[in-house]
Protein backbone atom coordinates (compact mmCIF):
# COMPACT_ATOMS: atom_id res chain seq x y z
CA ASN A 1 -106.22 -76.20 71.65
CA ILE A 2 -109.26 -73.97 71.16
CA SER A 3 -109.48 -70.65 69.34
CA LEU A 4 -112.54 -68.39 69.13
CA ARG A 5 -113.71 -65.68 66.73
CA ALA A 6 -116.91 -63.83 67.50
CA ASP A 7 -118.84 -60.66 66.75
CA ARG A 8 -119.50 -58.05 69.39
CA ASN A 9 -122.73 -59.69 70.57
CA TRP A 10 -121.44 -63.28 70.42
CA ARG A 11 -124.25 -64.13 67.99
CA ASP A 12 -121.85 -65.13 65.21
CA LEU A 13 -119.14 -67.40 66.54
CA ASP A 14 -116.45 -69.62 65.02
CA ILE A 15 -114.64 -72.18 67.17
CA ASP A 16 -111.52 -74.00 65.98
CA LEU A 17 -110.93 -77.12 68.04
CA ASN A 18 -107.73 -79.15 67.81
CA LEU A 19 -107.70 -82.48 69.63
CA ASP A 20 -104.36 -84.15 70.20
CA GLU A 21 -104.61 -87.69 71.61
CA LEU A 22 -107.56 -87.04 73.92
CA THR A 23 -108.18 -90.03 76.20
CA LEU A 24 -111.54 -90.29 77.93
CA SER A 25 -111.91 -91.76 81.40
CA PRO A 26 -112.84 -95.48 81.56
CA VAL A 27 -116.26 -94.57 82.99
CA VAL A 28 -117.04 -92.25 80.06
CA GLN A 29 -115.76 -94.85 77.59
CA ARG A 30 -118.07 -97.49 79.04
CA VAL A 31 -121.06 -95.14 78.84
CA MET A 32 -120.32 -94.20 75.21
CA THR A 33 -119.75 -97.80 74.11
CA ALA A 34 -122.36 -99.62 76.24
CA GLY A 35 -119.68 -101.21 78.41
CA GLY A 36 -116.86 -101.31 75.87
CA GLU A 37 -113.73 -99.31 75.24
CA LEU A 38 -112.83 -96.27 73.15
CA GLY A 39 -109.26 -95.47 72.17
CA SER A 40 -107.64 -92.05 72.05
CA ILE A 41 -109.29 -89.35 69.94
CA SER A 42 -107.61 -86.74 67.76
CA GLY A 43 -108.73 -84.34 65.06
CA ASP A 44 -109.52 -80.82 63.93
CA LEU A 45 -113.00 -79.31 63.92
CA ASN A 46 -114.44 -75.92 63.02
CA VAL A 47 -117.81 -75.19 64.63
CA SER A 48 -119.79 -72.16 63.43
CA PHE A 49 -122.78 -70.44 65.02
CA ARG A 50 -124.84 -67.84 63.16
CA GLN A 51 -127.43 -65.69 64.91
CA GLY A 52 -126.93 -67.83 68.00
CA GLN A 53 -127.78 -71.09 66.23
CA LEU A 54 -125.44 -73.94 65.30
CA PHE A 55 -124.72 -73.40 61.59
CA ARG A 56 -121.98 -75.80 60.55
CA THR A 57 -119.41 -78.27 61.84
CA LYS A 58 -116.58 -79.26 59.53
CA GLY A 59 -113.35 -81.21 59.99
CA PHE A 60 -112.16 -84.68 60.86
CA ILE A 61 -111.97 -87.02 63.83
CA LYS A 62 -109.69 -90.03 64.33
CA VAL A 63 -110.34 -92.74 66.91
CA ARG A 64 -107.61 -95.29 67.61
CA LYS A 65 -110.02 -98.13 68.36
CA TYR A 66 -113.53 -99.09 69.39
CA VAL A 67 -114.36 -102.25 71.36
CA GLY A 68 -117.93 -103.28 72.18
CA ASP A 69 -120.61 -105.95 71.64
CA GLY A 70 -118.14 -108.38 70.07
CA VAL A 71 -116.75 -105.78 67.66
CA LEU A 72 -113.18 -104.49 67.45
CA ALA A 73 -112.68 -101.57 65.06
CA GLN A 74 -109.21 -100.10 64.60
CA ASN A 75 -108.02 -96.76 63.22
CA LEU A 76 -111.35 -95.07 62.57
CA LYS A 77 -111.31 -91.84 60.55
CA PHE A 78 -114.33 -89.61 59.94
CA LYS A 79 -114.50 -86.53 57.73
CA ILE A 80 -117.42 -84.48 59.05
CA ASP A 81 -119.51 -81.79 57.39
CA THR A 82 -122.81 -80.68 58.94
CA ARG A 83 -125.37 -78.16 57.75
CA ASP A 84 -128.57 -77.43 59.66
CA SER A 85 -129.71 -80.80 61.08
CA PHE A 86 -127.88 -82.98 58.54
CA VAL A 87 -124.53 -84.67 59.21
CA ASN A 88 -122.40 -85.98 56.33
CA LEU A 89 -119.61 -88.43 57.16
CA ASP A 90 -116.90 -89.89 54.96
CA SER A 91 -115.70 -92.83 57.04
CA ASN A 92 -112.63 -95.00 56.72
CA VAL A 93 -111.80 -97.86 59.11
CA SER A 94 -108.63 -99.90 58.65
CA GLU A 95 -110.03 -103.13 60.15
CA VAL A 96 -113.21 -104.42 61.78
CA THR A 97 -113.32 -107.80 63.54
CA VAL A 98 -116.69 -109.29 64.57
CA ASP A 99 -117.17 -112.34 66.77
CA PRO A 100 -119.95 -114.36 65.03
CA ASN A 101 -121.20 -115.55 68.44
CA SER A 102 -121.57 -112.03 69.84
CA LYS A 103 -124.65 -109.79 69.83
CA ALA A 104 -123.35 -107.96 66.76
CA GLY A 105 -122.45 -111.25 65.08
CA GLY A 106 -125.95 -112.53 65.66
CA VAL A 107 -127.39 -109.64 63.65
CA ILE A 108 -125.32 -110.45 60.54
CA ARG A 109 -124.92 -114.22 60.99
CA SER A 110 -127.42 -114.99 58.22
CA PHE A 111 -124.99 -113.93 55.49
CA ILE A 112 -121.66 -114.96 57.08
CA GLU A 113 -119.92 -117.82 55.26
CA ASP A 114 -116.84 -119.80 56.28
CA TRP A 115 -114.56 -118.16 53.72
CA MET A 116 -115.23 -114.74 55.31
CA LEU A 117 -113.72 -115.85 58.63
CA ILE A 118 -110.15 -115.45 59.80
CA GLY A 119 -109.36 -117.17 63.10
CA GLY A 120 -113.07 -117.79 63.62
CA ASN A 121 -114.03 -114.10 63.30
CA LEU A 122 -115.53 -112.06 60.48
CA VAL A 123 -112.77 -109.71 59.36
CA LEU A 124 -113.38 -106.60 57.22
CA LYS A 125 -110.44 -104.48 56.05
CA SER A 126 -110.26 -101.02 54.46
CA VAL A 127 -113.90 -100.28 55.22
CA VAL A 128 -115.09 -97.05 53.56
CA ALA A 129 -118.57 -95.52 53.41
CA LYS A 130 -120.44 -92.27 52.96
CA ILE A 131 -123.08 -91.66 55.63
CA ARG A 132 -125.77 -88.98 55.80
CA THR A 133 -128.04 -88.64 58.80
CA GLN A 134 -130.54 -86.23 60.28
CA GLN A 135 -130.03 -86.48 64.04
CA LEU A 136 -130.07 -90.30 63.60
CA GLN A 137 -133.82 -90.12 62.93
CA THR A 138 -133.06 -90.92 59.30
CA LEU A 139 -129.81 -92.38 58.00
CA GLU A 140 -128.44 -93.32 54.59
CA TRP A 141 -125.22 -95.13 53.74
CA THR A 142 -123.79 -95.29 50.22
CA SER A 143 -120.59 -96.57 48.64
CA LEU A 144 -119.92 -98.90 51.57
CA GLN A 145 -117.22 -101.35 50.54
CA SER A 146 -114.49 -103.40 52.13
CA GLN A 147 -112.27 -106.41 51.77
CA VAL A 148 -113.76 -109.41 53.55
CA GLY A 149 -111.88 -112.53 54.65
CA LEU A 150 -108.62 -113.15 52.81
CA ARG A 151 -109.67 -112.50 49.22
CA GLY A 152 -113.28 -111.38 49.02
CA TRP A 153 -115.09 -108.07 48.96
CA LEU A 154 -118.31 -106.65 50.34
CA GLN A 155 -120.47 -103.77 49.09
CA SER A 156 -123.64 -102.26 50.54
CA GLN A 157 -126.03 -99.35 50.37
CA GLY A 158 -129.23 -98.55 52.20
CA GLY A 159 -130.67 -96.69 55.16
CA TRP A 160 -133.63 -96.21 57.46
CA ASP A 161 -136.49 -93.72 57.35
CA GLU A 162 -138.01 -91.57 60.08
CA ASN A 163 -139.92 -94.61 61.38
CA GLY A 164 -136.74 -96.69 61.62
CA PHE A 165 -137.68 -98.99 58.73
CA LEU A 166 -134.67 -100.39 56.90
CA LYS A 167 -134.21 -100.80 53.17
CA GLY A 168 -130.99 -101.76 51.46
CA GLN A 169 -128.76 -104.34 49.85
CA ILE A 170 -125.51 -106.12 50.58
CA ALA A 171 -123.37 -108.03 48.08
CA VAL A 172 -120.34 -110.25 48.66
CA SER A 173 -117.98 -112.11 46.37
CA ASN A 174 -115.06 -114.48 46.97
CA LYS A 175 -113.03 -113.09 44.02
CA GLY A 176 -114.06 -115.50 41.31
CA ARG A 177 -114.25 -118.63 43.46
CA ASP A 178 -118.00 -118.26 43.90
CA LYS A 179 -120.53 -116.15 42.07
CA GLU A 180 -121.59 -112.90 43.68
CA LYS A 181 -124.28 -113.27 46.33
CA LYS A 182 -126.74 -110.59 47.37
CA TRP A 183 -129.09 -110.07 50.31
CA SER A 184 -131.81 -107.50 50.83
CA ILE A 185 -131.83 -105.61 54.13
CA GLN A 186 -135.25 -105.10 55.71
CA GLY A 187 -136.88 -104.87 59.13
CA ASP A 188 -136.04 -101.97 61.40
CA ARG A 189 -132.78 -100.52 62.64
CA ASN A 190 -133.01 -102.46 65.92
CA LYS A 191 -133.89 -105.79 64.26
CA PRO A 192 -132.53 -105.92 60.70
CA ARG A 193 -133.38 -108.91 58.48
CA PHE A 194 -131.26 -110.23 55.64
CA SER A 195 -132.97 -112.18 52.84
CA PRO A 196 -131.11 -113.84 49.93
CA ILE A 197 -131.72 -112.36 46.47
CA GLU A 198 -131.79 -114.87 43.64
CA LEU A 199 -129.48 -113.80 40.81
């Protein structure tokens, strides 16, 4: 469902968009996920234009699942608030499964330990994060945390600058069985590097 409110000259425009179980064609899904799969999409968005320019987008989007590059993410929820060129996302994903032998697994393999695996895969549950980006040229994530494996937890913060250079940290703990371990995140967004931090 779509509803519109506009001034006489269509320079100021508000669009209310309600998505109810939108399913994209397999071809579009493959393009959006680099050969993977995207589940049904639902949500409510308000898009505002002022003086003919995009002013603000606010609302939420839910995606049933994402499959691609050895990653399965289920029940993705994003609260969206944009102003000017900045996008703010509050994200919540019920479960993320990563095949350690996949392309995505290869990126993070340096900090994966046996206790994090369930059935041979890295499993993250109740993944939450706040993300702020400017047209993906710069990106910052804060308050990223999740359950990892059966008993552990993971926390991270960081981002990349306008040149794509990464800077951040990731910490994991196996709930008292091992001391907390930390890694620095460096490199660039296409080739991140994880280096152990001595505590």
